[in-house]
Amino acid sequence: MKGFCISLDVSKGSSFYQGFKDLEEPITKSKKIEHNLEGFKELINLREKIRKEYDEECIVIFESTGIYHKALQTFLDEHDFKYTIISPLLSAKVRKSDIRGTKTDSKDCASIASVFYLKKLRAYTKTDEIYDDLREKSRYYDFLMDEMKRWKIEFRRLLDIIYPGFDRLYDDLYGDFTQSLLLEYSHPEIIRKRRLDTIAKFLEKHTCHHEAYCLRQAKVLKEYAENCASGCSSKSYLVSQFDVVIHNLNAQIKHLNYVLEEIIDIAKTLPNYEYIRSIPGIGDNLSSRILAELGDISRFNNASQVVAYCGIDPQIYQSGQISGLHLKISKKGNKKLRCLLYLAVTCMIKTSRNTVIVDFYKKKKADGLAPRSALVASMNKLVRIIYSLCKSGSLFK
């Protein structure tokens, strides 16, 4: 007998809760509470009732809902509740095992309680707050990256209208040189009206280049502008819009770099940072963000659990003549961590670095695995290396 539990079906702003003595022995009816102090107080009252009437402790069980359970979780931490957070996939699987898998908010409490009594679960262990802060900053960095991509798309759209063919002049369109140039001369017509030495002096003042280089660049710009057929006039709204987009894009890039520096600074204070950073091909950026998504690795008992957490564990389905080999990965894990591992391995392969991961990838391809399958196998290998280094407390050799 597992003992008493309080099961909660969490939704936005409210939850249904119900107390259970055993799988088929509810001690209360399902009741709705709001996510406020008055509502959460009912959980304290139910815990006290179980202590007085049964002289037993209880555990709270609820599904992970992204953000909706955060207020509940914080309240449980503050009032020393033991609790377990389960995957919605797990409770859905238990509910669908019934012949009539009915789903209602009130009946979901019983389904969630069934997971507690039928499955082997462990109580949630609160991690150090620094890991939560690091993960949230990393997620914020991803949000800023998506925002910057949108600004870059709009920048390239306007650039191709106002300055067609400008991207063939310069490889780096987002550097200080080109950005300062486009802010000062927002239309080819403005360049045509300026003297060559005026353009050269501007370039010399706003870049770190010498006079001779700036003069050569000014000649290139002048020749380009004289032959440029712009898609709008210099008085068009697109020109003023272009100026706003460039300012916002530059601000976004600066803020993005600032947040990344914060992430790296926090990660450097954690013990496992140096171990992950020591792996060839993983720099400050990737090591910090991998650590942010992994969190405290000591909560995992073995490397296979970390692989499952990443969602790169192979599915196993063996029945009759079906061997169960070469199936797809589960993808039931941390999607962002999976993306970071993919990025790390692909960067190692593209740069052709002579690393253990690249050698492993080449070996798997030579054994007949498809490139994508070999890449996933290499991600699996990288996770196991990370876990081994962090557990042993040693740098990569």
Protein backbone atom coordinates (compact mmCIF):
# COMPACT_ATOMS: atom_id res chain seq x y z
CA MET A 1 0.00 0.00 0.00
CA LYS A 2 1.44 3.32 -1.09
CA GLY A 3 -0.53 5.49 1.32
CA PHE A 4 -2.50 8.68 0.96
CA CYS A 5 -2.32 11.11 -1.92
CA ILE A 6 -3.98 14.34 -2.99
CA SER A 7 -4.55 14.30 -6.75
CA LEU A 8 -4.91 17.55 -8.70
CA ASP A 9 -6.06 18.13 -12.25
CA VAL A 10 -4.41 21.49 -13.01
CA SER A 11 -5.74 23.97 -15.56
CA LYS A 12 -5.35 27.70 -16.16
CA GLY A 13 -6.21 29.57 -12.97
CA SER A 14 -7.95 26.68 -11.21
CA SER A 15 -7.73 22.97 -10.37
CA PHE A 16 -9.87 20.05 -9.28
CA TYR A 17 -8.50 18.16 -6.27
CA GLN A 18 -9.42 14.92 -4.52
CA GLY A 19 -7.95 12.91 -1.64
CA PHE A 20 -7.33 9.16 -1.87
CA LYS A 21 -6.50 6.46 0.68
CA ASP A 22 -5.99 3.82 -1.99
CA LEU A 23 -6.70 3.25 -5.67
CA GLU A 24 -10.40 2.52 -5.13
CA GLU A 25 -10.78 4.45 -1.85
CA PRO A 26 -11.32 8.19 -2.28
CA ILE A 27 -11.66 10.05 1.01
CA THR A 28 -13.15 13.22 -0.51
CA LYS A 29 -15.17 14.15 -3.57
CA SER A 30 -13.57 15.99 -6.46
CA LYS A 31 -13.72 19.72 -5.75
CA LYS A 32 -12.67 22.80 -7.68
CA ILE A 33 -10.31 25.40 -6.20
CA GLU A 34 -8.98 28.67 -7.59
CA HIS A 35 -5.22 29.26 -7.85
CA ASN A 36 -5.03 31.74 -5.00
CA LEU A 37 -4.14 31.56 -1.32
CA GLU A 38 -7.72 30.87 -0.28
CA GLY A 39 -8.00 27.98 -2.74
CA PHE A 40 -4.61 26.46 -1.86
CA LYS A 41 -5.52 26.65 1.84
CA GLU A 42 -7.95 23.76 1.22
CA LEU A 43 -4.96 21.53 0.43
CA ILE A 44 -3.48 22.38 3.83
CA ASN A 45 -6.82 21.57 5.48
CA LEU A 46 -6.99 18.21 3.70
CA ARG A 47 -3.42 17.37 4.73
CA GLU A 48 -4.27 18.19 8.37
CA LYS A 49 -7.43 16.05 8.14
CA ILE A 50 -5.38 13.06 6.95
CA ARG A 51 -2.88 13.57 9.76
CA LYS A 52 -5.58 13.78 12.45
CA GLU A 53 -7.97 11.04 11.26
CA TYR A 54 -5.47 8.52 9.87
CA ASP A 55 -2.19 9.55 11.49
CA GLU A 56 -0.55 9.40 8.05
CA GLU A 57 1.35 11.74 5.74
CA CYS A 58 0.25 12.35 2.16
CA ILE A 59 1.83 13.22 -1.14
CA VAL A 60 0.43 15.60 -3.77
CA ILE A 61 0.42 14.44 -7.39
CA PHE A 62 -0.32 16.57 -10.47
CA GLU A 63 0.58 16.85 -14.15
CA SER A 64 3.22 19.10 -15.63
CA THR A 65 1.33 21.83 -17.50
CA GLY A 66 4.13 24.12 -18.64
CA ILE A 67 3.32 27.31 -16.71
CA TYR A 68 -0.12 26.73 -15.16
CA HIS A 69 1.18 24.57 -12.29
CA LYS A 70 3.93 27.02 -11.26
CA ALA A 71 1.80 28.88 -8.67
CA LEU A 72 0.72 25.55 -7.16
CA GLN A 73 4.29 24.22 -7.10
CA THR A 74 5.60 27.37 -5.38
CA PHE A 75 2.86 27.12 -2.73
CA LEU A 76 3.67 23.44 -2.08
CA ASP A 77 7.38 24.25 -1.69
CA GLU A 78 6.65 27.07 0.74
CA HIS A 79 4.44 24.81 2.92
CA ASP A 80 6.69 21.71 2.90
CA PHE A 81 4.40 19.42 0.90
CA LYS A 82 5.81 16.26 -0.64
CA TYR A 83 4.72 16.15 -4.26
CA THR A 84 5.30 14.42 -7.58
CA ILE A 85 4.96 15.97 -11.03
CA ILE A 86 4.00 13.49 -13.76
CA SER A 87 3.92 13.71 -17.54
CA PRO A 88 0.46 14.26 -19.10
CA LEU A 89 1.34 11.42 -21.49
CA LEU A 90 1.57 9.03 -18.56
CA SER A 91 -1.83 9.91 -17.11
CA ALA A 92 -3.40 9.85 -20.59
CA LYS A 93 -2.01 6.35 -21.15
CA VAL A 94 -3.51 5.13 -17.86
CA ARG A 95 -6.87 6.77 -18.64
CA LYS A 96 -7.02 5.27 -22.15
CA SER A 97 -6.32 1.79 -20.76
CA ASP A 98 -9.95 1.73 -19.59
CA ILE A 99 -12.49 0.33 -22.04
CA ARG A 100 -14.44 3.56 -21.73
CA GLY A 101 -11.70 6.16 -21.35
CA THR A 102 -13.94 9.02 -20.23
CA LYS A 103 -12.24 12.37 -19.69
CA THR A 104 -13.79 15.08 -17.53
CA ASP A 105 -12.16 17.56 -15.17
CA SER A 106 -13.67 15.90 -12.12
CA LYS A 107 -12.77 12.34 -13.21
CA ASP A 108 -9.22 13.31 -14.16
CA CYS A 109 -8.29 13.41 -10.46
CA ALA A 110 -8.96 9.66 -10.26
CA SER A 111 -6.91 9.04 -13.43
CA ILE A 112 -3.97 10.99 -12.03
CA ALA A 113 -4.25 9.18 -8.68
CA SER A 114 -4.20 5.86 -10.61
CA VAL A 115 -0.77 6.79 -11.98
CA PHE A 116 0.48 7.21 -8.40
CA TYR A 117 -0.84 3.82 -7.27
CA LEU A 118 -0.01 1.84 -10.42
CA LYS A 119 3.34 3.31 -11.42
CA LYS A 120 6.66 3.60 -9.66
CA LEU A 121 7.18 7.30 -9.03
CA ARG A 122 9.56 9.31 -6.89
CA ALA A 123 8.96 12.50 -4.96
CA TYR A 124 10.01 15.70 -6.67
CA THR A 125 13.28 17.10 -5.38
CA LYS A 126 13.55 20.87 -5.48
CA THR A 127 16.67 21.99 -7.33
CA ASP A 128 18.84 24.98 -6.54
CA GLU A 129 17.19 28.19 -7.74
CA ILE A 130 20.27 29.07 -9.80
CA TYR A 131 19.40 26.23 -12.21
CA ASP A 132 15.87 27.62 -12.63
CA ASP A 133 17.25 31.10 -13.31
CA LEU A 134 19.76 29.74 -15.80
CA ARG A 135 17.07 27.78 -17.66
CA GLU A 136 14.72 30.77 -17.79
CA LYS A 137 17.49 33.01 -19.14
CA SER A 138 18.31 30.39 -21.76
CA ARG A 139 14.64 30.23 -22.80
CA TYR A 140 14.56 34.03 -22.94
CA TYR A 141 17.66 33.90 -25.17
CA ASP A 142 15.78 31.56 -27.54
CA PHE A 143 12.86 34.00 -27.58
CA LEU A 144 15.23 36.89 -28.46
CA MET A 145 16.81 34.77 -31.20
CA ASP A 146 13.39 34.25 -32.80
CA GLU A 147 12.71 37.99 -32.55
CA MET A 148 16.07 38.81 -34.14
CA LYS A 149 15.37 36.43 -37.02
CA ARG A 150 12.18 38.35 -37.77
CA TRP A 151 14.04 41.69 -37.70
CA LYS A 152 16.69 40.23 -40.03
CA ILE A 153 14.02 39.04 -42.47
CA GLU A 154 12.47 42.51 -42.56
CA PHE A 155 15.93 44.10 -42.91
CA ARG A 156 16.79 41.91 -45.91
CA ARG A 157 13.40 42.58 -47.50
CA LEU A 158 13.86 46.36 -47.34
CA LEU A 159 17.53 46.12 -48.33
CA ASP A 160 16.63 44.22 -51.51
CA ILE A 161 14.05 46.90 -52.39
CA ILE A 162 16.14 49.99 -51.63
CA TYR A 163 19.64 48.63 -52.34
CA PRO A 164 19.24 45.73 -54.81
CA GLY A 165 22.47 43.77 -55.13
CA PHE A 166 24.04 45.39 -52.04
CA ASP A 167 24.62 41.97 -50.44
CA ARG A 168 27.08 41.18 -53.24
CA LEU A 169 29.30 44.07 -52.12
CA TYR A 170 29.70 42.95 -48.50
CA ASP A 171 29.59 39.53 -46.87
CA ASP A 172 28.76 40.84 -43.39
CA LEU A 173 25.56 42.86 -43.60
CA TYR A 174 25.16 43.08 -39.82
CA GLY A 175 28.59 44.41 -38.87
CA ASP A 176 29.29 47.94 -37.63
CA PHE A 177 30.70 48.99 -41.01
CA THR A 178 27.66 48.18 -43.17
CA GLN A 179 25.10 49.15 -40.50
CA SER A 180 26.69 52.61 -40.01
CA LEU A 181 26.86 53.05 -43.76
CA LEU A 182 23.18 52.21 -44.32
CA LEU A 183 22.06 54.45 -41.47
CA GLU A 184 23.95 57.43 -42.92
CA TYR A 185 23.08 56.76 -46.57
CA SER A 186 19.62 55.23 -46.48
CA HIS A 187 19.15 55.45 -50.28
CA PRO A 188 21.52 55.18 -53.31
CA GLU A 189 20.48 58.68 -54.41
CA ILE A 190 22.11 60.13 -51.27
CA ILE A 191 25.42 58.43 -52.15
CA ARG A 192 25.24 59.83 -55.70
CA LYS A 193 24.95 63.37 -54.31
CA ARG A 194 27.92 63.00 -51.92
CA ARG A 195 31.53 63.68 -52.89
CA LEU A 196 33.98 60.79 -52.84
CA ASP A 197 36.15 62.29 -50.09
CA THR A 198 33.05 62.97 -47.92
CA ILE A 199 32.07 59.29 -48.07
CA ALA A 200 35.67 58.22 -47.38
CA LYS A 201 35.94 60.51 -44.33
CA PHE A 202 32.66 59.16 -42.96
CA LEU A 203 33.87 55.56 -43.33
CA GLU A 204 37.19 56.41 -41.69
CA LYS A 205 35.43 58.09 -38.76
CA HIS A 206 32.94 55.26 -38.11
CA THR A 207 35.21 52.28 -38.72
CA CYS A 208 38.64 51.12 -37.60
CA HIS A 209 40.01 51.13 -41.17
CA HIS A 210 42.74 53.39 -42.57
CA GLU A 211 42.26 56.24 -45.03
CA ALA A 212 43.43 54.28 -48.09
CA TYR A 213 41.01 51.41 -47.44
CA CYS A 214 38.09 53.80 -46.83
CA LEU A 215 38.84 55.64 -50.07
CA ARG A 216 38.79 52.36 -52.02
CA GLN A 217 35.47 51.41 -50.40
CA ALA A 218 34.04 54.84 -51.17
CA LYS A 219 34.90 54.36 -54.87
CA VAL A 220 33.20 50.94 -54.85
CA LEU A 221 30.08 52.46 -53.23
CA LYS A 222 30.04 55.38 -55.65
CA GLU A 223 30.27 53.09 -58.67
CA TYR A 224 27.55 50.84 -57.24
CA ALA A 225 25.21 53.78 -56.49
CA GLU A 226 25.66 55.31 -59.96
CA ASN A 227 24.46 52.04 -61.53
CA CYS A 228 21.85 51.10 -58.88
CA ALA A 229 18.18 50.94 -59.86
CA SER A 230 16.42 51.27 -56.51
CA GLY A 231 12.91 49.89 -56.00
CA CYS A 232 11.66 53.13 -54.40
CA SER A 233 12.41 56.85 -54.28
CA SER A 234 14.44 58.50 -51.54
CA LYS A 235 11.22 60.07 -50.18
CA SER A 236 9.38 56.76 -49.87
CA TYR A 237 8.07 55.54 -46.52
CA LEU A 238 10.19 52.43 -47.01
CA VAL A 239 13.35 54.51 -46.47
CA SER A 240 12.21 55.81 -43.06
CA GLN A 241 10.98 52.31 -42.20
CA PHE A 242 14.42 50.95 -43.14
CA ASP A 243 16.05 53.35 -40.67
CA VAL A 244 13.77 52.14 -37.84
CA VAL A 245 14.42 48.48 -38.68
CA ILE A 246 18.21 48.98 -38.61
CA HIS A 247 18.06 50.70 -35.19
CA ASN A 248 15.84 47.95 -33.76
CA LEU A 249 17.98 45.19 -35.26
CA ASN A 250 21.16 46.67 -33.75
CA ALA A 251 19.47 47.03 -30.36
CA GLN A 252 18.25 43.44 -30.58
CA ILE A 253 21.73 42.12 -31.39
CA LYS A 254 23.29 44.06 -28.48
CA HIS A 255 20.63 42.85 -26.03
CA LEU A 256 21.03 39.28 -27.29
CA ASN A 257 24.79 39.40 -26.70
CA TYR A 258 24.24 40.88 -23.23
CA VAL A 259 21.83 38.07 -22.24
CA LEU A 260 24.25 35.45 -23.58
CA GLU A 261 27.06 36.93 -21.47
CA GLU A 262 24.77 36.72 -18.42
CA ILE A 263 24.00 33.05 -19.17
CA ILE A 264 27.70 32.22 -19.50
CA ASP A 265 28.58 34.11 -16.29
CA ILE A 266 25.94 32.17 -14.31
CA ALA A 267 26.95 28.84 -15.88
CA LYS A 268 30.61 29.41 -14.96
CA THR A 269 29.67 29.44 -11.27
CA LEU A 270 28.25 25.88 -11.53
CA PRO A 271 30.52 22.86 -11.02
CA ASN A 272 29.58 20.98 -14.20
CA TYR A 273 30.28 23.86 -16.59
CA GLU A 274 34.01 23.20 -16.93
CA TYR A 275 33.43 19.47 -17.55
CA ILE A 276 31.01 20.12 -20.44
CA ARG A 277 33.17 22.98 -21.76
CA SER A 278 36.21 20.69 -21.90
CA ILE A 279 34.63 18.56 -24.67
CA PRO A 280 36.26 19.52 -28.02
CA GLY A 281 33.84 21.37 -30.28
CA ILE A 282 31.65 22.77 -27.46
CA GLY A 283 32.25 26.44 -26.64
CA ASP A 284 30.96 28.82 -23.99
CA ASN A 285 27.61 29.36 -25.71
CA LEU A 286 26.65 25.70 -26.17
CA SER A 287 28.07 24.46 -22.88
CA SER A 288 26.15 27.13 -20.93
CA ARG A 289 22.85 26.45 -22.66
CA ILE A 290 23.22 22.65 -22.49
CA LEU A 291 23.83 23.00 -18.75
CA ALA A 292 20.80 25.31 -18.49
CA GLU A 293 18.51 22.67 -19.99
CA LEU A 294 20.13 19.71 -18.21
CA GLY A 295 19.90 21.34 -14.79
CA ASP A 296 21.34 19.47 -11.82
CA ILE A 297 22.60 16.26 -13.40
CA SER A 298 22.91 14.56 -10.00
CA ARG A 299 19.15 13.88 -10.07
CA PHE A 300 19.71 11.24 -12.76
CA ASN A 301 20.74 7.74 -11.66
CA ASN A 302 22.40 6.74 -14.93
CA ALA A 303 23.19 7.97 -18.44
CA SER A 304 20.17 6.19 -19.93
CA GLN A 305 17.86 8.40 -17.88
CA VAL A 306 19.56 11.50 -19.32
CA VAL A 307 19.19 10.07 -22.84
CA ALA A 308 15.46 9.52 -22.16
CA TYR A 309 15.16 13.04 -20.74
CA CYS A 310 16.56 14.37 -24.02
CA GLY A 311 14.07 12.26 -25.99
CA ILE A 312 16.75 10.56 -28.10
CA ASP A 313 16.18 7.06 -26.71
CA PRO A 314 15.17 4.58 -29.45
CA GLN A 315 11.62 3.26 -29.35
CA ILE A 316 11.37 -0.47 -28.74
CA TYR A 317 8.47 -2.43 -30.25
CA GLN A 318 9.05 -6.16 -30.64
CA SER A 319 6.19 -8.49 -31.49
CA GLY A 320 6.19 -11.77 -33.40
CA GLN A 321 8.36 -11.36 -36.48
CA ILE A 322 8.85 -7.64 -35.86
CA SER A 323 12.40 -7.31 -34.55
CA GLY A 324 11.91 -3.90 -32.95
CA LEU A 325 15.24 -2.66 -34.37
CA HIS A 326 15.94 0.59 -36.23
CA LEU A 327 12.85 2.40 -34.98
CA LYS A 328 12.57 6.16 -34.55
CA ILE A 329 13.61 7.99 -31.38
CA SER A 330 10.90 8.69 -28.81
CA LYS A 331 11.11 12.53 -28.89
CA LYS A 332 9.37 12.44 -25.49
CA GLY A 333 11.75 14.69 -23.65
CA ASN A 334 13.31 18.14 -23.53
CA LYS A 335 12.98 19.46 -27.08
CA LYS A 336 15.30 22.43 -26.53
CA LEU A 337 18.05 20.20 -25.13
CA ARG A 338 17.63 17.88 -28.09
CA CYS A 339 18.06 20.85 -30.46
CA LEU A 340 21.22 21.98 -28.64
CA LEU A 341 22.75 18.49 -28.86
CA TYR A 342 21.88 18.36 -32.56
CA LEU A 343 23.54 21.75 -33.05
CA ALA A 344 26.66 20.65 -31.16
CA VAL A 345 27.13 17.45 -33.17
CA THR A 346 26.39 19.04 -36.56
CA CYS A 347 28.88 21.85 -35.83
CA MET A 348 31.56 19.26 -34.96
CA ILE A 349 30.86 17.37 -38.19
CA LYS A 350 30.78 20.48 -40.42
CA THR A 351 34.06 21.80 -39.05
CA SER A 352 35.61 18.34 -39.55
CA ARG A 353 37.23 18.47 -36.15
CA ASN A 354 39.12 15.35 -35.19
CA THR A 355 37.04 14.57 -32.11
CA VAL A 356 35.69 11.40 -30.55
CA ILE A 357 32.16 12.36 -31.63
CA VAL A 358 33.16 12.91 -35.28
CA ASP A 359 35.09 9.61 -35.29
CA PHE A 360 32.04 7.87 -33.81
CA TYR A 361 29.80 9.45 -36.47
CA LYS A 362 32.09 8.29 -39.29
CA LYS A 363 32.25 4.78 -37.82
CA LYS A 364 28.45 4.52 -37.63
CA LYS A 365 28.16 5.68 -41.25
CA ALA A 366 30.77 3.13 -42.29
CA ASP A 367 28.71 0.45 -40.49
CA GLY A 368 25.80 1.23 -42.80
CA LEU A 369 23.71 3.67 -40.76
CA ALA A 370 21.99 6.49 -42.63
CA PRO A 371 23.56 9.94 -41.98
CA ARG A 372 20.60 11.07 -39.87
CA SER A 373 20.62 7.88 -37.79
CA ALA A 374 24.39 8.17 -37.33
CA LEU A 375 23.91 11.77 -36.17
CA VAL A 376 21.32 10.75 -33.55
CA ALA A 377 23.63 7.97 -32.37
CA SER A 378 26.38 10.59 -32.01
CA MET A 379 24.04 12.78 -29.95
CA ASN A 380 23.44 9.77 -27.71
CA LYS A 381 27.19 9.29 -27.39
CA LEU A 382 27.68 12.97 -26.50
CA VAL A 383 25.05 12.76 -23.73
CA ARG A 384 26.78 9.73 -22.22
CA ILE A 385 30.14 11.53 -22.31
CA ILE A 386 28.62 14.58 -20.59
CA TYR A 387 27.02 12.43 -17.90
CA SER A 388 30.26 10.48 -17.32
CA LEU A 389 32.37 13.66 -17.00
CA CYS A 390 29.92 15.34 -14.60
CA LYS A 391 29.50 12.25 -12.43
CA SER A 392 33.23 11.55 -12.20
CA GLY A 393 34.11 15.24 -11.82
CA SER A 394 36.82 15.12 -14.46
CA LEU A 395 37.70 17.08 -17.60
CA PHE A 396 37.59 15.50 -21.04
CA LYS A 397 40.85 13.85 -22.11
